Amino acid sequence: MTTPHTTAATIAEIISSVPNFVVSQMKRAYKLANTPDQQQAIFDAMPDFGVTPAQALTLYATMQTALASIGLADNIPAADLDIFQPQPDGSVLYVAPPKPLA
């Protein structure tokens, strides 16, 4: 039988590991979503995995805001809704940022 102290310690360990896991996954998602020449293809493939692109973008934006509010969003850029534009049908349109003038 598990003692209450051991159970509490286990729960505390699980909870304390969540932010690090979320941060690592957010950084990974940002990097993958910004793979050159693959941005639109990545968003177009999301429904195959049970999530609409707009849901994924909303989740990313929400999680980034939550992490920022507790000081854990270093190196996790906010969602750029000028580049990744949610559409009414749940898709996301990738609009390449303008190239800098030479």
PDB file of N, CA and C in Angstrom:
ATOM      1  N   MET A   1       0.841  -1.179   0.000  1.00  0.00           N
ATOM      2  CA  MET A   1       0.000   0.000   0.000  1.00  0.00           C
ATOM      3  C   MET A   1       0.890   1.248   0.000  1.00  0.00           C
ATOM      4  N   THR A   2       0.521   2.251  -0.779  1.00  0.00           N
ATOM      5  CA  THR A   2       1.277   3.494  -0.871  1.00  0.00           C
ATOM      6  C   THR A   2       0.914   4.409   0.290  1.00  0.00           C
ATOM      7  N   THR A   3       1.921   4.980   0.894  1.00  0.00           N
ATOM      8  CA  THR A   3       1.649   5.906   1.994  1.00  0.00           C
ATOM      9  C   THR A   3       1.248   7.263   1.424  1.00  0.00           C
ATOM     10  N   PRO A   4       0.470   8.043   2.178  1.00  0.00           N
ATOM     11  CA  PRO A   4       0.062   9.364   1.680  1.00  0.00           C
ATOM     12  C   PRO A   4       1.254  10.250   1.324  1.00  0.00           C
ATOM     13  N   HIS A   5       2.334  10.171   2.111  1.00  0.00           N
ATOM     14  CA  HIS A   5       3.505  11.001   1.820  1.00  0.00           C
ATOM     15  C   HIS A   5       4.104  10.630   0.463  1.00  0.00           C
ATOM     16  N   THR A   6       4.215   9.353   0.195  1.00  0.00           N
ATOM     17  CA  THR A   6       4.769   8.892  -1.077  1.00  0.00           C
ATOM     18  C   THR A   6       3.868   9.309  -2.231  1.00  0.00           C
ATOM     19  N   THR A   7       2.561   9.188  -2.034  1.00  0.00           N
ATOM     20  CA  THR A   7       1.616   9.597  -3.072  1.00  0.00           C
ATOM     21  C   THR A   7       1.737  11.091  -3.331  1.00  0.00           C
ATOM     22  N   ALA A   8       1.820  11.886  -2.279  1.00  0.00           N
ATOM     23  CA  ALA A   8       1.959  13.336  -2.434  1.00  0.00           C
ATOM     24  C   ALA A   8       3.246  13.680  -3.163  1.00  0.00           C
ATOM     25  N   ALA A   9       4.323  13.010  -2.825  1.00  0.00           N
ATOM     26  CA  ALA A   9       5.608  13.259  -3.485  1.00  0.00           C
ATOM     27  C   ALA A   9       5.532  12.886  -4.961  1.00  0.00           C
ATOM     28  N   THR A  10       4.864  11.802  -5.266  1.00  0.00           N
ATOM     29  CA  THR A  10       4.707  11.370  -6.662  1.00  0.00           C
ATOM     30  C   THR A  10       3.903  12.396  -7.446  1.00  0.00           C
ATOM     31  N   ILE A  11       2.812  12.861  -6.868  1.00  0.00           N
ATOM     32  CA  ILE A  11       1.976  13.874  -7.532  1.00  0.00           C
ATOM     33  C   ILE A  11       2.769  15.159  -7.740  1.00  0.00           C
ATOM     34  N   ALA A  12       3.501  15.587  -6.732  1.00  0.00           N
ATOM     35  CA  ALA A  12       4.311  16.802  -6.848  1.00  0.00           C
ATOM     36  C   ALA A  12       5.354  16.658  -7.952  1.00  0.00           C
ATOM     37  N   GLU A  13       5.972  15.496  -8.037  1.00  0.00           N
ATOM     38  CA  GLU A  13       6.982  15.257  -9.077  1.00  0.00           C
ATOM     39  C   GLU A  13       6.350  15.329 -10.468  1.00  0.00           C
ATOM     40  N   ILE A  14       5.186  14.725 -10.615  1.00  0.00           N
ATOM     41  CA  ILE A  14       4.487  14.751 -11.908  1.00  0.00           C
ATOM     42  C   ILE A  14       4.137  16.183 -12.288  1.00  0.00           C
ATOM     43  N   ILE A  15       3.543  16.912 -11.366  1.00  0.00           N
ATOM     44  CA  ILE A  15       3.129  18.288 -11.645  1.00  0.00           C
ATOM     45  C   ILE A  15       4.335  19.167 -11.968  1.00  0.00           C
ATOM     46  N   SER A  16       5.420  18.997 -11.233  1.00  0.00           N
ATOM     47  CA  SER A  16       6.591  19.842 -11.470  1.00  0.00           C
ATOM     48  C   SER A  16       7.266  19.535 -12.801  1.00  0.00           C
ATOM     49  N   SER A  17       7.052  18.360 -13.356  1.00  0.00           N
ATOM     50  CA  SER A  17       7.676  18.017 -14.639  1.00  0.00           C
ATOM     51  C   SER A  17       6.862  18.517 -15.835  1.00  0.00           C
ATOM     52  N   VAL A  18       5.611  18.865 -15.619  1.00  0.00           N
ATOM     53  CA  VAL A  18       4.737  19.289 -16.718  1.00  0.00           C
ATOM     54  C   VAL A  18       5.265  20.520 -17.452  1.00  0.00           C
ATOM     55  N   PRO A  19       5.648  21.607 -16.746  1.00  0.00           N
ATOM     56  CA  PRO A  19       6.120  22.778 -17.495  1.00  0.00           C
ATOM     57  C   PRO A  19       7.311  22.481 -18.397  1.00  0.00           C
ATOM     58  N   ASN A  20       8.277  21.709 -17.934  1.00  0.00           N
ATOM     59  CA  ASN A  20       9.428  21.394 -18.776  1.00  0.00           C
ATOM     60  C   ASN A  20       9.017  20.613 -20.017  1.00  0.00           C
ATOM     61  N   PHE A  21       8.090  19.680 -19.851  1.00  0.00           N
ATOM     62  CA  PHE A  21       7.605  18.909 -20.993  1.00  0.00           C
ATOM     63  C   PHE A  21       6.883  19.820 -21.982  1.00  0.00           C
ATOM     64  N   VAL A  22       6.004  20.683 -21.470  1.00  0.00           N
ATOM     65  CA  VAL A  22       5.241  21.588 -22.336  1.00  0.00           C
ATOM     66  C   VAL A  22       6.187  22.530 -23.078  1.00  0.00           C
ATOM     67  N   VAL A  23       7.149  23.097 -22.374  1.00  0.00           N
ATOM     68  CA  VAL A  23       8.112  23.999 -23.003  1.00  0.00           C
ATOM     69  C   VAL A  23       8.865  23.282 -24.119  1.00  0.00           C
ATOM     70  N   SER A  24       9.332  22.089 -23.878  1.00  0.00           N
ATOM     71  CA  SER A  24      10.090  21.371 -24.911  1.00  0.00           C
ATOM     72  C   SER A  24       9.213  21.063 -26.122  1.00  0.00           C
ATOM     73  N   GLN A  25       7.962  20.700 -25.899  1.00  0.00           N
ATOM     74  CA  GLN A  25       7.059  20.399 -27.008  1.00  0.00           C
ATOM     75  C   GLN A  25       6.678  21.663 -27.776  1.00  0.00           C
ATOM     76  N   MET A  26       6.524  22.779 -27.082  1.00  0.00           N
ATOM     77  CA  MET A  26       6.209  24.045 -27.748  1.00  0.00           C
ATOM     78  C   MET A  26       7.372  24.474 -28.647  1.00  0.00           C
ATOM     79  N   LYS A  27       8.588  24.369 -28.155  1.00  0.00           N
ATOM     80  CA  LYS A  27       9.754  24.714 -28.967  1.00  0.00           C
ATOM     81  C   LYS A  27       9.840  23.810 -30.191  1.00  0.00           C
ATOM     82  N   ARG A  28       9.564  22.543 -29.988  1.00  0.00           N
ATOM     83  CA  ARG A  28       9.588  21.581 -31.107  1.00  0.00           C
ATOM     84  C   ARG A  28       8.510  21.920 -32.127  1.00  0.00           C
ATOM     85  N   ALA A  29       7.300  22.220 -31.658  1.00  0.00           N
ATOM     86  CA  ALA A  29       6.196  22.568 -32.560  1.00  0.00           C
ATOM     87  C   ALA A  29       6.529  23.822 -33.364  1.00  0.00           C
ATOM     88  N   TYR A  30       7.077  24.829 -32.702  1.00  0.00           N
ATOM     89  CA  TYR A  30       7.432  26.069 -33.406  1.00  0.00           C
ATOM     90  C   TYR A  30       8.464  25.786 -34.498  1.00  0.00           C
ATOM     91  N   LYS A  31       9.482  25.028 -34.146  1.00  0.00           N
ATOM     92  CA  LYS A  31      10.533  24.716 -35.120  1.00  0.00           C
ATOM     93  C   LYS A  31       9.955  23.964 -36.324  1.00  0.00           C
ATOM     94  N   LEU A  32       9.135  22.960 -36.061  1.00  0.00           N
ATOM     95  CA  LEU A  32       8.557  22.171 -37.154  1.00  0.00           C
ATOM     96  C   LEU A  32       7.592  22.985 -37.999  1.00  0.00           C
ATOM     97  N   ALA A  33       6.777  23.827 -37.358  1.00  0.00           N
ATOM     98  CA  ALA A  33       5.800  24.633 -38.103  1.00  0.00           C
ATOM     99  C   ALA A  33       6.482  25.670 -38.975  1.00  0.00           C
ATOM    100  N   ASN A  34       7.727  25.962 -38.701  1.00  0.00           N
ATOM    101  CA  ASN A  34       8.471  26.945 -39.484  1.00  0.00           C
ATOM    102  C   ASN A  34       9.546  26.307 -40.354  1.00  0.00           C
ATOM    103  N   THR A  35       9.369  25.032 -40.680  1.00  0.00           N
ATOM    104  CA  THR A  35      10.286  24.356 -41.591  1.00  0.00           C
ATOM    105  C   THR A  35      10.169  25.016 -42.964  1.00  0.00           C
ATOM    106  N   PRO A  36      11.259  25.554 -43.506  1.00  0.00           N
ATOM    107  CA  PRO A  36      11.182  26.237 -44.790  1.00  0.00           C
ATOM    108  C   PRO A  36      10.506  25.405 -45.875  1.00  0.00           C
ATOM    109  N   ASP A  37       9.614  26.046 -46.590  1.00  0.00           N
ATOM    110  CA  ASP A  37       8.877  25.460 -47.712  1.00  0.00           C
ATOM    111  C   ASP A  37       7.930  24.326 -47.313  1.00  0.00           C
ATOM    112  N   GLN A  38       7.696  24.122 -46.035  1.00  0.00           N
ATOM    113  CA  GLN A  38       6.803  23.053 -45.592  1.00  0.00           C
ATOM    114  C   GLN A  38       5.643  23.556 -44.739  1.00  0.00           C
ATOM    115  N   GLN A  39       5.588  24.854 -44.476  1.00  0.00           N
ATOM    116  CA  GLN A  39       4.607  25.384 -43.542  1.00  0.00           C
ATOM    117  C   GLN A  39       3.173  25.013 -43.920  1.00  0.00           C
ATOM    118  N   GLN A  40       2.775  25.258 -45.153  1.00  0.00           N
ATOM    119  CA  GLN A  40       1.397  24.971 -45.544  1.00  0.00           C
ATOM    120  C   GLN A  40       1.122  23.473 -45.535  1.00  0.00           C
ATOM    121  N   ALA A  41       2.073  22.675 -46.005  1.00  0.00           N
ATOM    122  CA  ALA A  41       1.893  21.219 -46.024  1.00  0.00           C
ATOM    123  C   ALA A  41       1.696  20.665 -44.621  1.00  0.00           C
ATOM    124  N   ILE A  42       2.429  21.206 -43.658  1.00  0.00           N
ATOM    125  CA  ILE A  42       2.288  20.749 -42.273  1.00  0.00           C
ATOM    126  C   ILE A  42       0.883  21.030 -41.773  1.00  0.00           C
ATOM    127  N   PHE A  43       0.387  22.239 -41.984  1.00  0.00           N
ATOM    128  CA  PHE A  43      -0.966  22.575 -41.534  1.00  0.00           C
ATOM    129  C   PHE A  43      -2.019  21.769 -42.284  1.00  0.00           C
ATOM    130  N   ASP A  44      -1.802  21.531 -43.567  1.00  0.00           N
ATOM    131  CA  ASP A  44      -2.773  20.753 -44.355  1.00  0.00           C
ATOM    132  C   ASP A  44      -2.862  19.307 -43.886  1.00  0.00           C
ATOM    133  N   ALA A  45      -1.788  18.766 -43.308  1.00  0.00           N
ATOM    134  CA  ALA A  45      -1.770  17.375 -42.859  1.00  0.00           C
ATOM    135  C   ALA A  45      -2.393  17.181 -41.481  1.00  0.00           C
ATOM    136  N   MET A  46      -2.598  18.238 -40.728  1.00  0.00           N
ATOM    137  CA  MET A  46      -3.075  18.109 -39.347  1.00  0.00           C
ATOM    138  C   MET A  46      -4.396  17.362 -39.192  1.00  0.00           C
ATOM    139  N   PRO A  47      -5.383  17.557 -40.087  1.00  0.00           N
ATOM    140  CA  PRO A  47      -6.639  16.813 -39.907  1.00  0.00           C
ATOM    141  C   PRO A  47      -6.447  15.297 -39.914  1.00  0.00           C
ATOM    142  N   ASP A  48      -5.398  14.811 -40.559  1.00  0.00           N
ATOM    143  CA  ASP A  48      -5.107  13.376 -40.553  1.00  0.00           C
ATOM    144  C   ASP A  48      -4.795  12.875 -39.145  1.00  0.00           C
ATOM    145  N   PHE A  49      -4.469  13.806 -38.247  1.00  0.00           N
ATOM    146  CA  PHE A  49      -4.100  13.446 -36.881  1.00  0.00           C
ATOM    147  C   PHE A  49      -5.143  13.894 -35.860  1.00  0.00           C
ATOM    148  N   GLY A  50      -6.343  14.214 -36.354  1.00  0.00           N
ATOM    149  CA  GLY A  50      -7.466  14.482 -35.456  1.00  0.00           C
ATOM    150  C   GLY A  50      -7.567  15.890 -34.913  1.00  0.00           C
ATOM    151  N   VAL A  51      -6.865  16.829 -35.512  1.00  0.00           N
ATOM    152  CA  VAL A  51      -6.950  18.215 -35.044  1.00  0.00           C
ATOM    153  C   VAL A  51      -6.986  19.132 -36.270  1.00  0.00           C
ATOM    154  N   THR A  52      -7.843  20.146 -36.207  1.00  0.00           N
ATOM    155  CA  THR A  52      -7.827  21.094 -37.321  1.00  0.00           C
ATOM    156  C   THR A  52      -6.628  22.023 -37.146  1.00  0.00           C
ATOM    157  N   PRO A  53      -6.134  22.565 -38.232  1.00  0.00           N
ATOM    158  CA  PRO A  53      -5.026  23.501 -38.121  1.00  0.00           C
ATOM    159  C   PRO A  53      -5.357  24.695 -37.219  1.00  0.00           C
ATOM    160  N   ALA A  54      -6.586  25.191 -37.310  1.00  0.00           N
ATOM    161  CA  ALA A  54      -6.973  26.330 -36.468  1.00  0.00           C
ATOM    162  C   ALA A  54      -6.956  25.941 -34.986  1.00  0.00           C
ATOM    163  N   GLN A  55      -7.370  24.710 -34.659  1.00  0.00           N
ATOM    164  CA  GLN A  55      -7.307  24.246 -33.273  1.00  0.00           C
ATOM    165  C   GLN A  55      -5.856  24.176 -32.798  1.00  0.00           C
ATOM    166  N   ALA A  56      -4.981  23.660 -33.637  1.00  0.00           N
ATOM    167  CA  ALA A  56      -3.567  23.551 -33.272  1.00  0.00           C
ATOM    168  C   ALA A  56      -2.957  24.931 -33.059  1.00  0.00           C
ATOM    169  N   LEU A  57      -3.280  25.865 -33.943  1.00  0.00           N
ATOM    170  CA  LEU A  57      -2.751  27.222 -33.811  1.00  0.00           C
ATOM    171  C   LEU A  57      -3.287  27.895 -32.550  1.00  0.00           C
ATOM    172  N   THR A  58      -4.568  27.692 -32.258  1.00  0.00           N
ATOM    173  CA  THR A  58      -5.174  28.252 -31.050  1.00  0.00           C
ATOM    174  C   THR A  58      -4.541  27.648 -29.802  1.00  0.00           C
ATOM    175  N   LEU A  59      -4.319  26.349 -29.813  1.00  0.00           N
ATOM    176  CA  LEU A  59      -3.684  25.689 -28.673  1.00  0.00           C
ATOM    177  C   LEU A  59      -2.271  26.230 -28.463  1.00  0.00           C
ATOM    178  N   TYR A  60      -1.505  26.363 -29.544  1.00  0.00           N
ATOM    179  CA  TYR A  60      -0.153  26.904 -29.434  1.00  0.00           C
ATOM    180  C   TYR A  60      -0.196  28.311 -28.836  1.00  0.00           C
ATOM    181  N   ALA A  61      -1.071  29.166 -29.374  1.00  0.00           N
ATOM    182  CA  ALA A  61      -1.158  30.549 -28.895  1.00  0.00           C
ATOM    183  C   ALA A  61      -1.562  30.609 -27.425  1.00  0.00           C
ATOM    184  N   THR A  62      -2.514  29.767 -27.036  1.00  0.00           N
ATOM    185  CA  THR A  62      -2.980  29.732 -25.653  1.00  0.00           C
ATOM    186  C   THR A  62      -1.873  29.260 -24.711  1.00  0.00           C
ATOM    187  N   MET A  63      -1.191  28.202 -25.099  1.00  0.00           N
ATOM    188  CA  MET A  63      -0.111  27.664 -24.259  1.00  0.00           C
ATOM    189  C   MET A  63       1.048  28.656 -24.156  1.00  0.00           C
ATOM    190  N   GLN A  64       1.382  29.326 -25.257  1.00  0.00           N
ATOM    191  CA  GLN A  64       2.467  30.303 -25.230  1.00  0.00           C
ATOM    192  C   GLN A  64       2.107  31.443 -24.278  1.00  0.00           C
ATOM    193  N   THR A  65       0.873  31.911 -24.331  1.00  0.00           N
ATOM    194  CA  THR A  65       0.419  32.977 -23.437  1.00  0.00           C
ATOM    195  C   THR A  65       0.468  32.521 -21.982  1.00  0.00           C
ATOM    196  N   ALA A  66       0.020  31.300 -21.726  1.00  0.00           N
ATOM    197  CA  ALA A  66       0.034  30.765 -20.362  1.00  0.00           C
ATOM    198  C   ALA A  66       1.467  30.644 -19.847  1.00  0.00           C
ATOM    199  N   LEU A  67       2.358  30.131 -20.670  1.00  0.00           N
ATOM    200  CA  LEU A  67       3.757  29.999 -20.249  1.00  0.00           C
ATOM    201  C   LEU A  67       4.385  31.374 -20.012  1.00  0.00           C
ATOM    202  N   ALA A  68       4.056  32.338 -20.859  1.00  0.00           N
ATOM    203  CA  ALA A  68       4.582  33.694 -20.681  1.00  0.00           C
ATOM    204  C   ALA A  68       4.111  34.293 -19.360  1.00  0.00           C
ATOM    205  N   SER A  69       2.872  33.989 -18.977  1.00  0.00           N
ATOM    206  CA  SER A  69       2.325  34.565 -17.744  1.00  0.00           C
ATOM    207  C   SER A  69       3.036  34.050 -16.490  1.00  0.00           C
ATOM    208  N   ILE A  70       3.702  32.910 -16.593  1.00  0.00           N
ATOM    209  CA  ILE A  70       4.445  32.385 -15.440  1.00  0.00           C
ATOM    210  C   ILE A  70       5.964  32.419 -15.685  1.00  0.00           C
ATOM    211  N   GLY A  71       6.361  33.177 -16.710  1.00  0.00           N
ATOM    212  CA  GLY A  71       7.780  33.387 -16.959  1.00  0.00           C
ATOM    213  C   GLY A  71       8.521  32.235 -17.596  1.00  0.00           C
ATOM    214  N   LEU A  72       7.804  31.367 -18.305  1.00  0.00           N
ATOM    215  CA  LEU A  72       8.466  30.195 -18.901  1.00  0.00           C
ATOM    216  C   LEU A  72       8.456  30.199 -20.437  1.00  0.00           C
ATOM    217  N   ALA A  73       8.168  31.335 -21.051  1.00  0.00           N
ATOM    218  CA  ALA A  73       8.055  31.359 -22.513  1.00  0.00           C
ATOM    219  C   ALA A  73       9.315  31.868 -23.204  1.00  0.00           C
ATOM    220  N   ASP A  74      10.435  31.902 -22.495  1.00  0.00           N
ATOM    221  CA  ASP A  74      11.678  32.322 -23.150  1.00  0.00           C
ATOM    222  C   ASP A  74      11.933  31.432 -24.356  1.00  0.00           C
ATOM    223  N   ASN A  75      12.258  32.042 -25.462  1.00  0.00           N
ATOM    224  CA  ASN A  75      12.568  31.323 -26.708  1.00  0.00           C
ATOM    225  C   ASN A  75      11.371  30.579 -27.284  1.00  0.00           C
ATOM    226  N   ILE A  76      10.174  30.944 -26.879  1.00  0.00           N
ATOM    227  CA  ILE A  76       8.963  30.393 -27.494  1.00  0.00           C
ATOM    228  C   ILE A  76       8.189  31.584 -28.055  1.00  0.00           C
ATOM    229  N   PRO A  77       8.353  31.868 -29.350  1.00  0.00           N
ATOM    230  CA  PRO A  77       7.683  33.018 -29.931  1.00  0.00           C
ATOM    231  C   PRO A  77       6.161  32.866 -29.902  1.00  0.00           C
ATOM    232  N   ALA A  78       5.497  34.001 -29.807  1.00  0.00           N
ATOM    233  CA  ALA A  78       4.038  34.003 -29.894  1.00  0.00           C
ATOM    234  C   ALA A  78       3.622  33.593 -31.308  1.00  0.00           C
ATOM    235  N   ALA A  79       2.413  33.094 -31.432  1.00  0.00           N
ATOM    236  CA  ALA A  79       1.890  32.733 -32.750  1.00  0.00           C
ATOM    237  C   ALA A  79       1.766  34.008 -33.592  1.00  0.00           C
ATOM    238  N   ASP A  80       2.238  33.956 -34.815  1.00  0.00           N
ATOM    239  CA  ASP A  80       2.166  35.108 -35.717  1.00  0.00           C
ATOM    240  C   ASP A  80       0.952  34.928 -36.624  1.00  0.00           C
ATOM    241  N   LEU A  81      -0.142  35.605 -36.264  1.00  0.00           N
ATOM    242  CA  LEU A  81      -1.385  35.436 -37.004  1.00  0.00           C
ATOM    243  C   LEU A  81      -1.402  36.207 -38.320  1.00  0.00           C
ATOM    244  N   ASP A  82      -0.337  36.982 -38.605  1.00  0.00           N
ATOM    245  CA  ASP A  82      -0.208  37.597 -39.925  1.00  0.00           C
ATOM    246  C   ASP A  82       0.363  36.591 -40.913  1.00  0.00           C
ATOM    247  N   ILE A  83       1.160  35.662 -40.405  1.00  0.00           N
ATOM    248  CA  ILE A  83       1.777  34.642 -41.257  1.00  0.00           C
ATOM    249  C   ILE A  83       0.918  33.379 -41.292  1.00  0.00           C
ATOM    250  N   PHE A  84       0.435  32.942 -40.131  1.00  0.00           N
ATOM    251  CA  PHE A  84      -0.431  31.769 -40.028  1.00  0.00           C
ATOM    252  C   PHE A  84      -1.848  32.268 -39.783  1.00  0.00           C
ATOM    253  N   GLN A  85      -2.660  32.311 -40.835  1.00  0.00           N
ATOM    254  CA  GLN A  85      -3.975  32.938 -40.768  1.00  0.00           C
ATOM    255  C   GLN A  85      -5.091  31.893 -40.670  1.00  0.00           C
ATOM    256  N   PRO A  86      -5.768  31.823 -39.493  1.00  0.00           N
ATOM    257  CA  PRO A  86      -6.891  30.885 -39.354  1.00  0.00           C
ATOM    258  C   PRO A  86      -8.022  31.259 -40.312  1.00  0.00           C
ATOM    259  N   GLN A  87      -8.650  30.239 -40.883  1.00  0.00           N
ATOM    260  CA  GLN A  87      -9.753  30.447 -41.812  1.00  0.00           C
ATOM    261  C   GLN A  87     -11.057  29.949 -41.186  1.00  0.00           C
ATOM    262  N   PRO A  88     -12.199  30.448 -41.654  1.00  0.00           N
ATOM    263  CA  PRO A  88     -13.486  30.047 -41.072  1.00  0.00           C
ATOM    264  C   PRO A  88     -13.758  28.539 -41.126  1.00  0.00           C
ATOM    265  N   ASP A  89     -13.160  27.837 -42.080  1.00  0.00           N
ATOM    266  CA  ASP A  89     -13.399  26.394 -42.200  1.00  0.00           C
ATOM    267  C   ASP A  89     -12.492  25.557 -41.303  1.00  0.00           C
ATOM    268  N   GLY A  90     -11.667  26.210 -40.469  1.00  0.00           N
ATOM    269  CA  GLY A  90     -10.779  25.483 -39.566  1.00  0.00           C
ATOM    270  C   GLY A  90      -9.389  25.261 -40.126  1.00  0.00           C
ATOM    271  N   SER A  91      -9.175  25.636 -41.362  1.00  0.00           N
ATOM    272  CA  SER A  91      -7.845  25.504 -41.949  1.00  0.00           C
ATOM    273  C   SER A  91      -7.002  26.715 -41.538  1.00  0.00           C
ATOM    274  N   VAL A  92      -5.731  26.650 -41.866  1.00  0.00           N
ATOM    275  CA  VAL A  92      -4.825  27.773 -41.643  1.00  0.00           C
ATOM    276  C   VAL A  92      -4.103  28.033 -42.955  1.00  0.00           C
ATOM    277  N   LEU A  93      -4.099  29.286 -43.355  1.00  0.00           N
ATOM    278  CA  LEU A  93      -3.410  29.688 -44.577  1.00  0.00           C
ATOM    279  C   LEU A  93      -2.053  30.260 -44.191  1.00  0.00           C
ATOM    280  N   TYR A  94      -0.997  29.697 -44.764  1.00  0.00           N
ATOM    281  CA  TYR A  94       0.346  30.226 -44.521  1.00  0.00           C
ATOM    282  C   TYR A  94       0.610  31.312 -45.547  1.00  0.00           C
ATOM    283  N   VAL A  95       0.939  32.509 -45.063  1.00  0.00           N
ATOM    284  CA  VAL A  95       1.278  33.634 -45.928  1.00  0.00           C
ATOM    285  C   VAL A  95       2.733  33.987 -45.636  1.00  0.00           C
ATOM    286  N   ALA A  96       3.575  33.717 -46.593  1.00  0.00           N
ATOM    287  CA  ALA A  96       5.017  33.957 -46.395  1.00  0.00           C
ATOM    288  C   ALA A  96       5.265  35.417 -46.071  1.00  0.00           C
ATOM    289  N   PRO A  97       6.118  35.659 -45.082  1.00  0.00           N
ATOM    290  CA  PRO A  97       6.445  37.056 -44.772  1.00  0.00           C
ATOM    291  C   PRO A  97       7.182  37.688 -45.932  1.00  0.00           C
ATOM    292  N   PRO A  98       7.051  38.995 -46.083  1.00  0.00           N
ATOM    293  CA  PRO A  98       7.758  39.643 -47.179  1.00  0.00           C
ATOM    294  C   PRO A  98       9.267  39.512 -47.010  1.00  0.00           C
ATOM    295  N   LYS A  99       9.931  39.361 -48.129  1.00  0.00           N
ATOM    296  CA  LYS A  99      11.397  39.273 -48.098  1.00  0.00           C
ATOM    297  C   LYS A  99      11.959  40.682 -47.847  1.00  0.00           C
ATOM    298  N   PRO A 100      13.018  40.770 -47.045  1.00  0.00           N
ATOM    299  CA  PRO A 100      13.607  42.084 -46.795  1.00  0.00           C
ATOM    300  C   PRO A 100      14.131  42.696 -48.088  1.00  0.00           C
ATOM    301  N   LEU A 101      14.004  44.000 -48.181  1.00  0.00           N
ATOM    302  CA  LEU A 101      14.530  44.700 -49.368  1.00  0.00           C
ATOM    303  C   LEU A 101      16.048  44.703 -49.314  1.00  0.00           C
ATOM    304  N   ALA A 102      16.644  44.468 -50.463  1.00  0.00           N
ATOM    305  CA  ALA A 102      18.118  44.419 -50.516  1.00  0.00           C
ATOM    306  C   ALA A 102      18.696  45.805 -50.576  1.00  0.00           C
TER     307      ALA A 102
END
